[in-house]
């Protein structure tokens, strides 16, 4: 529940930087979930097959979060990059 909740809460922020911060929190929550799955497997609360399936889904979500964070960072760099002024041939 924590991962999607952070994504939704982050999307409601006013800046993309704030959204990215919530995505990083969601990413940390995915690590927490990964540990909970491991602990559940270790104490026998879930079967090995269920653990493997769920763990691979966590990895997939983690990759998607990393991709979205990279996309936001690239967009921020593009917006903040200084614009080059190209002199016209006639003005040179």
PDB file of N, CA and C in Angstrom:
ATOM      1  N   UNK A   1       0.828  -1.196   0.000  1.00  0.00           N
ATOM      2  CA  UNK A   1       0.000   0.000   0.000  1.00  0.00           C
ATOM      3  C   UNK A   1       0.869   1.254   0.000  1.00  0.00           C
ATOM      4  N   UNK A   2       2.030   1.184   0.614  1.00  0.00           N
ATOM      5  CA  UNK A   2       2.882   2.360   0.739  1.00  0.00           C
ATOM      6  C   UNK A   2       3.410   2.839  -0.613  1.00  0.00           C
ATOM      7  N   UNK A   3       3.769   1.915  -1.483  1.00  0.00           N
ATOM      8  CA  UNK A   3       4.352   2.305  -2.776  1.00  0.00           C
ATOM      9  C   UNK A   3       3.353   3.120  -3.598  1.00  0.00           C
ATOM     10  N   UNK A   4       2.167   2.602  -3.904  1.00  0.00           N
ATOM     11  CA  UNK A   4       1.237   3.404  -4.708  1.00  0.00           C
ATOM     12  C   UNK A   4       0.754   4.660  -3.980  1.00  0.00           C
ATOM     13  N   UNK A   5       0.659   4.590  -2.658  1.00  0.00           N
ATOM     14  CA  UNK A   5       0.232   5.781  -1.910  1.00  0.00           C
ATOM     15  C   UNK A   5       1.228   6.914  -2.082  1.00  0.00           C
ATOM     16  N   UNK A   6       2.516   6.602  -2.037  1.00  0.00           N
ATOM     17  CA  UNK A   6       3.525   7.636  -2.238  1.00  0.00           C
ATOM     18  C   UNK A   6       3.528   8.173  -3.658  1.00  0.00           C
ATOM     19  N   UNK A   7       3.281   7.326  -4.624  1.00  0.00           N
ATOM     20  CA  UNK A   7       3.217   7.777  -6.016  1.00  0.00           C
ATOM     21  C   UNK A   7       2.055   8.747  -6.189  1.00  0.00           C
ATOM     22  N   UNK A   8       0.898   8.373  -5.678  1.00  0.00           N
ATOM     23  CA  UNK A   8      -0.292   9.229  -5.798  1.00  0.00           C
ATOM     24  C   UNK A   8      -0.084  10.551  -5.060  1.00  0.00           C
ATOM     25  N   UNK A   9       0.431  10.462  -3.845  1.00  0.00           N
ATOM     26  CA  UNK A   9       0.664  11.685  -3.078  1.00  0.00           C
ATOM     27  C   UNK A   9       1.688  12.583  -3.779  1.00  0.00           C
ATOM     28  N   UNK A  10       2.719  11.984  -4.336  1.00  0.00           N
ATOM     29  CA  UNK A  10       3.736  12.754  -5.044  1.00  0.00           C
ATOM     30  C   UNK A  10       3.211  13.437  -6.278  1.00  0.00           C
ATOM     31  N   UNK A  11       2.309  12.773  -6.991  1.00  0.00           N
ATOM     32  CA  UNK A  11       1.765  13.356  -8.221  1.00  0.00           C
ATOM     33  C   UNK A  11       0.979  14.625  -7.922  1.00  0.00           C
ATOM     34  N   UNK A  12       0.471  14.742  -6.724  1.00  0.00           N
ATOM     35  CA  UNK A  12      -0.314  15.918  -6.343  1.00  0.00           C
ATOM     36  C   UNK A  12       0.559  17.100  -5.913  1.00  0.00           C
ATOM     37  N   UNK A  13       1.864  16.912  -5.885  1.00  0.00           N
ATOM     38  CA  UNK A  13       2.766  17.993  -5.504  1.00  0.00           C
ATOM     39  C   UNK A  13       2.846  19.026  -6.627  1.00  0.00           C
ATOM     40  N   UNK A  14       3.322  20.200  -6.288  1.00  0.00           N
ATOM     41  CA  UNK A  14       3.328  21.301  -7.246  1.00  0.00           C
ATOM     42  C   UNK A  14       4.504  21.284  -8.207  1.00  0.00           C
ATOM     43  N   UNK A  15       5.575  20.577  -7.855  1.00  0.00           N
ATOM     44  CA  UNK A  15       6.740  20.549  -8.746  1.00  0.00           C
ATOM     45  C   UNK A  15       7.129  19.115  -9.069  1.00  0.00           C
ATOM     46  N   UNK A  16       7.828  18.975 -10.175  1.00  0.00           N
ATOM     47  CA  UNK A  16       8.328  17.654 -10.561  1.00  0.00           C
ATOM     48  C   UNK A  16       9.403  17.189  -9.576  1.00  0.00           C
ATOM     49  N   UNK A  17      10.165  18.133  -9.011  1.00  0.00           N
ATOM     50  CA  UNK A  17      11.186  17.770  -8.019  1.00  0.00           C
ATOM     51  C   UNK A  17      10.529  17.162  -6.778  1.00  0.00           C
ATOM     52  N   UNK A  18       9.420  17.737  -6.352  1.00  0.00           N
ATOM     53  CA  UNK A  18       8.699  17.184  -5.203  1.00  0.00           C
ATOM     54  C   UNK A  18       8.129  15.813  -5.549  1.00  0.00           C
ATOM     55  N   UNK A  19       7.628  15.670  -6.771  1.00  0.00           N
ATOM     56  CA  UNK A  19       7.123  14.370  -7.222  1.00  0.00           C
ATOM     57  C   UNK A  19       8.248  13.334  -7.176  1.00  0.00           C
ATOM     58  N   UNK A  20       9.429  13.715  -7.670  1.00  0.00           N
ATOM     59  CA  UNK A  20      10.573  12.799  -7.668  1.00  0.00           C
ATOM     60  C   UNK A  20      10.938  12.379  -6.245  1.00  0.00           C
ATOM     61  N   UNK A  21      10.818  13.301  -5.298  1.00  0.00           N
ATOM     62  CA  UNK A  21      11.113  12.972  -3.901  1.00  0.00           C
ATOM     63  C   UNK A  21      10.172  11.882  -3.399  1.00  0.00           C
ATOM     64  N   UNK A  22       8.894  11.977  -3.739  1.00  0.00           N
ATOM     65  CA  UNK A  22       7.934  10.955  -3.326  1.00  0.00           C
ATOM     66  C   UNK A  22       8.187   9.631  -4.052  1.00  0.00           C
ATOM     67  N   UNK A  23       8.660   9.698  -5.288  1.00  0.00           N
ATOM     68  CA  UNK A  23       9.006   8.470  -6.002  1.00  0.00           C
ATOM     69  C   UNK A  23      10.174   7.774  -5.327  1.00  0.00           C
ATOM     70  N   UNK A  24      11.119   8.558  -4.810  1.00  0.00           N
ATOM     71  CA  UNK A  24      12.243   7.966  -4.084  1.00  0.00           C
ATOM     72  C   UNK A  24      11.766   7.326  -2.778  1.00  0.00           C
ATOM     73  N   UNK A  25      10.783   7.926  -2.152  1.00  0.00           N
ATOM     74  CA  UNK A  25      10.202   7.320  -0.945  1.00  0.00           C
ATOM     75  C   UNK A  25       9.507   6.007  -1.319  1.00  0.00           C
ATOM     76  N   UNK A  26       8.789   6.007  -2.446  1.00  0.00           N
ATOM     77  CA  UNK A  26       8.143   4.779  -2.924  1.00  0.00           C
ATOM     78  C   UNK A  26       9.191   3.712  -3.218  1.00  0.00           C
ATOM     79  N   UNK A  27      10.322   4.126  -3.759  1.00  0.00           N
ATOM     80  CA  UNK A  27      11.416   3.199  -4.033  1.00  0.00           C
ATOM     81  C   UNK A  27      11.936   2.586  -2.733  1.00  0.00           C
ATOM     82  N   UNK A  28      12.088   3.412  -1.712  1.00  0.00           N
ATOM     83  CA  UNK A  28      12.515   2.893  -0.407  1.00  0.00           C
ATOM     84  C   UNK A  28      11.466   1.927   0.151  1.00  0.00           C
ATOM     85  N   UNK A  29      10.199   2.227  -0.057  1.00  0.00           N
ATOM     86  CA  UNK A  29       9.135   1.330   0.392  1.00  0.00           C
ATOM     87  C   UNK A  29       9.207  -0.006  -0.334  1.00  0.00           C
ATOM     88  N   UNK A  30       9.669  -0.001  -1.589  1.00  0.00           N
ATOM     89  CA  UNK A  30       9.800  -1.265  -2.319  1.00  0.00           C
ATOM     90  C   UNK A  30      10.892  -2.128  -1.690  1.00  0.00           C
ATOM     91  N   UNK A  31      11.936  -1.500  -1.179  1.00  0.00           N
ATOM     92  CA  UNK A  31      12.979  -2.258  -0.471  1.00  0.00           C
ATOM     93  C   UNK A  31      12.424  -2.850   0.816  1.00  0.00           C
ATOM     94  N   UNK A  32      11.601  -2.080   1.497  1.00  0.00           N
ATOM     95  CA  UNK A  32      10.966  -2.563   2.716  1.00  0.00           C
ATOM     96  C   UNK A  32      10.059  -3.760   2.400  1.00  0.00           C
ATOM     97  N   UNK A  33       9.289  -3.639   1.325  1.00  0.00           N
ATOM     98  CA  UNK A  33       8.416  -4.740   0.930  1.00  0.00           C
ATOM     99  C   UNK A  33       9.226  -5.980   0.586  1.00  0.00           C
ATOM    100  N   UNK A  34      10.335  -5.786  -0.095  1.00  0.00           N
ATOM    101  CA  UNK A  34      11.204  -6.907  -0.444  1.00  0.00           C
ATOM    102  C   UNK A  34      11.658  -7.641   0.822  1.00  0.00           C
ATOM    103  N   UNK A  35      12.015  -6.878   1.839  1.00  0.00           N
ATOM    104  CA  UNK A  35      12.410  -7.495   3.113  1.00  0.00           C
ATOM    105  C   UNK A  35      11.238  -8.234   3.758  1.00  0.00           C
ATOM    106  N   UNK A  36      10.061  -7.635   3.736  1.00  0.00           N
ATOM    107  CA  UNK A  36       8.891  -8.278   4.349  1.00  0.00           C
ATOM    108  C   UNK A  36       8.591  -9.608   3.652  1.00  0.00           C
ATOM    109  N   UNK A  37       8.742  -9.630   2.340  1.00  0.00           N
ATOM    110  CA  UNK A  37       8.524 -10.884   1.606  1.00  0.00           C
ATOM    111  C   UNK A  37       9.550 -11.936   2.005  1.00  0.00           C
ATOM    112  N   UNK A  38      10.796 -11.517   2.131  1.00  0.00           N
ATOM    113  CA  UNK A  38      11.850 -12.430   2.539  1.00  0.00           C
ATOM    114  C   UNK A  38      11.572 -12.975   3.939  1.00  0.00           C
ATOM    115  N   UNK A  39      11.189 -12.104   4.847  1.00  0.00           N
ATOM    116  CA  UNK A  39      10.879 -12.533   6.216  1.00  0.00           C
ATOM    117  C   UNK A  39       9.686 -13.482   6.223  1.00  0.00           C
ATOM    118  N   UNK A  40       8.670 -13.178   5.417  1.00  0.00           N
ATOM    119  CA  UNK A  40       7.484 -14.045   5.347  1.00  0.00           C
ATOM    120  C   UNK A  40       7.861 -15.426   4.833  1.00  0.00           C
ATOM    121  N   UNK A  41       8.775 -15.468   3.862  1.00  0.00           N
ATOM    122  CA  UNK A  41       9.226 -16.770   3.351  1.00  0.00           C
ATOM    123  C   UNK A  41      10.006 -17.526   4.425  1.00  0.00           C
ATOM    124  N   UNK A  42      10.875 -16.804   5.129  1.00  0.00           N
ATOM    125  CA  UNK A  42      11.723 -17.437   6.143  1.00  0.00           C
ATOM    126  C   UNK A  42      10.919 -18.043   7.288  1.00  0.00           C
ATOM    127  N   UNK A  43       9.812 -17.404   7.664  1.00  0.00           N
ATOM    128  CA  UNK A  43       9.013 -17.949   8.772  1.00  0.00           C
ATOM    129  C   UNK A  43       7.917 -18.893   8.281  1.00  0.00           C
ATOM    130  N   UNK A  44       7.870 -19.117   6.968  1.00  0.00           N
ATOM    131  CA  UNK A  44       6.917 -20.051   6.414  1.00  0.00           C
ATOM    132  C   UNK A  44       5.522 -19.486   6.195  1.00  0.00           C
ATOM    133  N   UNK A  45       5.389 -18.163   6.233  1.00  0.00           N
ATOM    134  CA  UNK A  45       4.078 -17.548   6.020  1.00  0.00           C
ATOM    135  C   UNK A  45       3.666 -17.574   4.548  1.00  0.00           C
ATOM    136  N   UNK A  46       4.654 -17.618   3.653  1.00  0.00           N
ATOM    137  CA  UNK A  46       4.350 -17.759   2.222  1.00  0.00           C
ATOM    138  C   UNK A  46       5.260 -18.833   1.644  1.00  0.00           C
ATOM    139  N   UNK A  47       4.782 -19.477   0.614  1.00  0.00           N
ATOM    140  CA  UNK A  47       5.542 -20.539  -0.047  1.00  0.00           C
ATOM    141  C   UNK A  47       6.654 -19.934  -0.901  1.00  0.00           C
ATOM    142  N   UNK A  48       7.657 -20.732  -1.174  1.00  0.00           N
ATOM    143  CA  UNK A  48       8.794 -20.301  -1.994  1.00  0.00           C
ATOM    144  C   UNK A  48       8.347 -19.773  -3.353  1.00  0.00           C
ATOM    145  N   UNK A  49       7.424 -20.484  -3.995  1.00  0.00           N
ATOM    146  CA  UNK A  49       6.934 -20.043  -5.309  1.00  0.00           C
ATOM    147  C   UNK A  49       6.259 -18.680  -5.249  1.00  0.00           C
ATOM    148  N   UNK A  50       5.468 -18.466  -4.212  1.00  0.00           N
ATOM    149  CA  UNK A  50       4.818 -17.165  -4.034  1.00  0.00           C
ATOM    150  C   UNK A  50       5.861 -16.080  -3.795  1.00  0.00           C
ATOM    151  N   UNK A  51       6.862 -16.410  -2.969  1.00  0.00           N
ATOM    152  CA  UNK A  51       7.932 -15.453  -2.713  1.00  0.00           C
ATOM    153  C   UNK A  51       8.624 -15.062  -4.015  1.00  0.00           C
ATOM    154  N   UNK A  52       8.986 -16.049  -4.821  1.00  0.00           N
ATOM    155  CA  UNK A  52       9.690 -15.764  -6.071  1.00  0.00           C
ATOM    156  C   UNK A  52       8.855 -14.902  -7.006  1.00  0.00           C
ATOM    157  N   UNK A  53       7.568 -15.217  -7.113  1.00  0.00           N
ATOM    158  CA  UNK A  53       6.677 -14.439  -7.975  1.00  0.00           C
ATOM    159  C   UNK A  53       6.531 -13.005  -7.480  1.00  0.00           C
ATOM    160  N   UNK A  54       6.264 -12.853  -6.203  1.00  0.00           N
ATOM    161  CA  UNK A  54       6.074 -11.520  -5.635  1.00  0.00           C
ATOM    162  C   UNK A  54       7.363 -10.711  -5.665  1.00  0.00           C
ATOM    163  N   UNK A  55       8.469 -11.358  -5.375  1.00  0.00           N
ATOM    164  CA  UNK A  55       9.759 -10.678  -5.390  1.00  0.00           C
ATOM    165  C   UNK A  55      10.087 -10.163  -6.788  1.00  0.00           C
ATOM    166  N   UNK A  56       9.791 -10.945  -7.813  1.00  0.00           N
ATOM    167  CA  UNK A  56      10.052 -10.485  -9.184  1.00  0.00           C
ATOM    168  C   UNK A  56       9.145  -9.307  -9.545  1.00  0.00           C
ATOM    169  N   UNK A  57       7.941  -9.280  -9.006  1.00  0.00           N
ATOM    170  CA  UNK A  57       7.058  -8.134  -9.241  1.00  0.00           C
ATOM    171  C   UNK A  57       7.600  -6.875  -8.565  1.00  0.00           C
ATOM    172  N   UNK A  58       8.177  -7.043  -7.380  1.00  0.00           N
ATOM    173  CA  UNK A  58       8.791  -5.903  -6.688  1.00  0.00           C
ATOM    174  C   UNK A  58       9.960  -5.369  -7.512  1.00  0.00           C
ATOM    175  N   UNK A  59      10.763  -6.265  -8.068  1.00  0.00           N
ATOM    176  CA  UNK A  59      11.888  -5.851  -8.912  1.00  0.00           C
ATOM    177  C   UNK A  59      11.369  -5.069 -10.121  1.00  0.00           C
ATOM    178  N   UNK A  60      10.292  -5.525 -10.730  1.00  0.00           N
ATOM    179  CA  UNK A  60       9.712  -4.835 -11.880  1.00  0.00           C
ATOM    180  C   UNK A  60       9.217  -3.433 -11.499  1.00  0.00           C
ATOM    181  N   UNK A  61       8.546  -3.323 -10.376  1.00  0.00           N
ATOM    182  CA  UNK A  61       8.074  -2.020  -9.897  1.00  0.00           C
ATOM    183  C   UNK A  61       9.266  -1.110  -9.620  1.00  0.00           C
ATOM    184  N   UNK A  62      10.296  -1.659  -9.011  1.00  0.00           N
ATOM    185  CA  UNK A  62      11.504  -0.882  -8.712  1.00  0.00           C
ATOM    186  C   UNK A  62      12.138  -0.343  -9.998  1.00  0.00           C
ATOM    187  N   UNK A  63      12.195  -1.165 -11.040  1.00  0.00           N
ATOM    188  CA  UNK A  63      12.750  -0.714 -12.318  1.00  0.00           C
ATOM    189  C   UNK A  63      11.903   0.404 -12.922  1.00  0.00           C
ATOM    190  N   UNK A  64      10.577   0.281 -12.811  1.00  0.00           N
ATOM    191  CA  UNK A  64       9.696   1.328 -13.326  1.00  0.00           C
ATOM    192  C   UNK A  64       9.896   2.633 -12.564  1.00  0.00           C
ATOM    193  N   UNK A  65      10.032   2.545 -11.250  1.00  0.00           N
ATOM    194  CA  UNK A  65      10.265   3.742 -10.441  1.00  0.00           C
ATOM    195  C   UNK A  65      11.597   4.403 -10.816  1.00  0.00           C
ATOM    196  N   UNK A  66      12.641   3.596 -10.964  1.00  0.00           N
ATOM    197  CA  UNK A  66      13.935   4.147 -11.386  1.00  0.00           C
ATOM    198  C   UNK A  66      13.807   4.852 -12.739  1.00  0.00           C
ATOM    199  N   UNK A  67      13.091   4.232 -13.661  1.00  0.00           N
ATOM    200  CA  UNK A  67      12.904   4.839 -14.982  1.00  0.00           C
ATOM    201  C   UNK A  67      12.163   6.163 -14.906  1.00  0.00           C
ATOM    202  N   UNK A  68      11.131   6.215 -14.107  1.00  0.00           N
ATOM    203  CA  UNK A  68      10.365   7.459 -13.973  1.00  0.00           C
ATOM    204  C   UNK A  68      11.205   8.541 -13.299  1.00  0.00           C
ATOM    205  N   UNK A  69      11.975   8.172 -12.303  1.00  0.00           N
ATOM    206  CA  UNK A  69      12.851   9.135 -11.635  1.00  0.00           C
ATOM    207  C   UNK A  69      13.885   9.668 -12.631  1.00  0.00           C
ATOM    208  N   UNK A  70      14.476   8.789 -13.450  1.00  0.00           N
ATOM    209  CA  UNK A  70      15.439   9.225 -14.480  1.00  0.00           C
ATOM    210  C   UNK A  70      14.791  10.161 -15.481  1.00  0.00           C
ATOM    211  N   UNK A  71      13.560   9.850 -15.889  1.00  0.00           N
ATOM    212  CA  UNK A  71      12.849  10.692 -16.852  1.00  0.00           C
ATOM    213  C   UNK A  71      12.599  12.079 -16.278  1.00  0.00           C
ATOM    214  N   UNK A  72      12.184  12.157 -15.020  1.00  0.00           N
ATOM    215  CA  UNK A  72      11.958  13.453 -14.382  1.00  0.00           C
ATOM    216  C   UNK A  72      13.265  14.232 -14.259  1.00  0.00           C
ATOM    217  N   UNK A  73      14.356  13.548 -13.915  1.00  0.00           N
ATOM    218  CA  UNK A  73      15.657  14.214 -13.784  1.00  0.00           C
ATOM    219  C   UNK A  73      16.126  14.745 -15.130  1.00  0.00           C
ATOM    220  N   UNK A  74      15.931  13.961 -16.190  1.00  0.00           N
ATOM    221  CA  UNK A  74      16.337  14.401 -17.530  1.00  0.00           C
ATOM    222  C   UNK A  74      15.517  15.600 -17.970  1.00  0.00           C
ATOM    223  N   UNK A  75      14.223  15.587 -17.683  1.00  0.00           N
ATOM    224  CA  UNK A  75      13.361  16.720 -18.050  1.00  0.00           C
ATOM    225  C   UNK A  75      13.775  17.964 -17.277  1.00  0.00           C
ATOM    226  N   UNK A  76      14.148  17.804 -16.013  1.00  0.00           N
ATOM    227  CA  UNK A  76      14.583  18.946 -15.199  1.00  0.00           C
ATOM    228  C   UNK A  76      15.886  19.514 -15.740  1.00  0.00           C
ATOM    229  N   UNK A  77      16.811  18.637 -16.154  1.00  0.00           N
ATOM    230  CA  UNK A  77      18.072  19.114 -16.737  1.00  0.00           C
ATOM    231  C   UNK A  77      17.820  19.876 -18.023  1.00  0.00           C
ATOM    232  N   UNK A  78      16.892  19.380 -18.824  1.00  0.00           N
ATOM    233  CA  UNK A  78      16.586  20.027 -20.099  1.00  0.00           C
ATOM    234  C   UNK A  78      15.994  21.420 -19.875  1.00  0.00           C
ATOM    235  N   UNK A  79      15.102  21.541 -18.911  1.00  0.00           N
ATOM    236  CA  UNK A  79      14.473  22.831 -18.605  1.00  0.00           C
ATOM    237  C   UNK A  79      15.496  23.804 -18.035  1.00  0.00           C
ATOM    238  N   UNK A  80      16.415  23.305 -17.210  1.00  0.00           N
ATOM    239  CA  UNK A  80      17.380  24.167 -16.542  1.00  0.00           C
ATOM    240  C   UNK A  80      18.655  24.413 -17.346  1.00  0.00           C
ATOM    241  N   UNK A  81      18.789  23.750 -18.496  1.00  0.00           N
ATOM    242  CA  UNK A  81      20.002  23.914 -19.301  1.00  0.00           C
ATOM    243  C   UNK A  81      20.026  25.325 -19.895  1.00  0.00           C
ATOM    244  N   UNK A  82      21.227  25.948 -19.923  1.00  0.00           N
ATOM    245  CA  UNK A  82      21.304  27.279 -20.544  1.00  0.00           C
ATOM    246  C   UNK A  82      21.085  27.154 -22.046  1.00  0.00           C
ATOM    247  N   UNK A  83      20.355  28.111 -22.596  1.00  0.00           N
ATOM    248  CA  UNK A  83      20.067  28.098 -24.026  1.00  0.00           C
ATOM    249  C   UNK A  83      21.226  28.745 -24.770  1.00  0.00           C
ATOM    250  N   UNK A  84      21.654  28.104 -25.833  1.00  0.00           N
ATOM    251  CA  UNK A  84      22.733  28.653 -26.641  1.00  0.00           C
ATOM    252  C   UNK A  84      22.126  29.638 -27.642  1.00  0.00           C
ATOM    253  N   UNK A  85      22.793  30.752 -27.783  1.00  0.00           N
ATOM    254  CA  UNK A  85      22.361  31.735 -28.766  1.00  0.00           C
ATOM    255  C   UNK A  85      23.226  31.515 -30.002  1.00  0.00           C
ATOM    256  N   UNK A  86      22.557  31.297 -31.113  1.00  0.00           N
ATOM    257  CA  UNK A  86      23.265  31.048 -32.356  1.00  0.00           C
ATOM    258  C   UNK A  86      23.259  32.346 -33.152  1.00  0.00           C
ATOM    259  N   UNK A  87      24.440  32.831 -33.483  1.00  0.00           N
ATOM    260  CA  UNK A  87      24.552  34.071 -34.270  1.00  0.00           C
ATOM    261  C   UNK A  87      24.208  33.747 -35.715  1.00  0.00           C
ATOM    262  N   UNK A  88      23.462  34.645 -36.321  1.00  0.00           N
ATOM    263  CA  UNK A  88      23.110  34.433 -37.724  1.00  0.00           C
ATOM    264  C   UNK A  88      24.309  34.774 -38.606  1.00  0.00           C
ATOM    265  N   UNK A  89      24.359  34.209 -39.783  1.00  0.00           N
ATOM    266  CA  UNK A  89      25.457  34.455 -40.710  1.00  0.00           C
ATOM    267  C   UNK A  89      25.479  35.923 -41.148  1.00  0.00           C
ATOM    268  N   UNK A  90      24.310  36.517 -41.255  1.00  0.00           N
ATOM    269  CA  UNK A  90      24.227  37.910 -41.689  1.00  0.00           C
ATOM    270  C   UNK A  90      24.718  38.843 -40.592  1.00  0.00           C
ATOM    271  N   UNK A  91      24.513  38.466 -39.350  1.00  0.00           N
ATOM    272  CA  UNK A  91      24.886  39.325 -38.228  1.00  0.00           C
ATOM    273  C   UNK A  91      26.343  39.170 -37.820  1.00  0.00           C
ATOM    274  N   UNK A  92      27.050  38.203 -38.378  1.00  0.00           N
ATOM    275  CA  UNK A  92      28.434  37.949 -37.977  1.00  0.00           C
ATOM    276  C   UNK A  92      29.389  38.845 -38.700  1.00  0.00           C
TER     277      UNK A  92
END
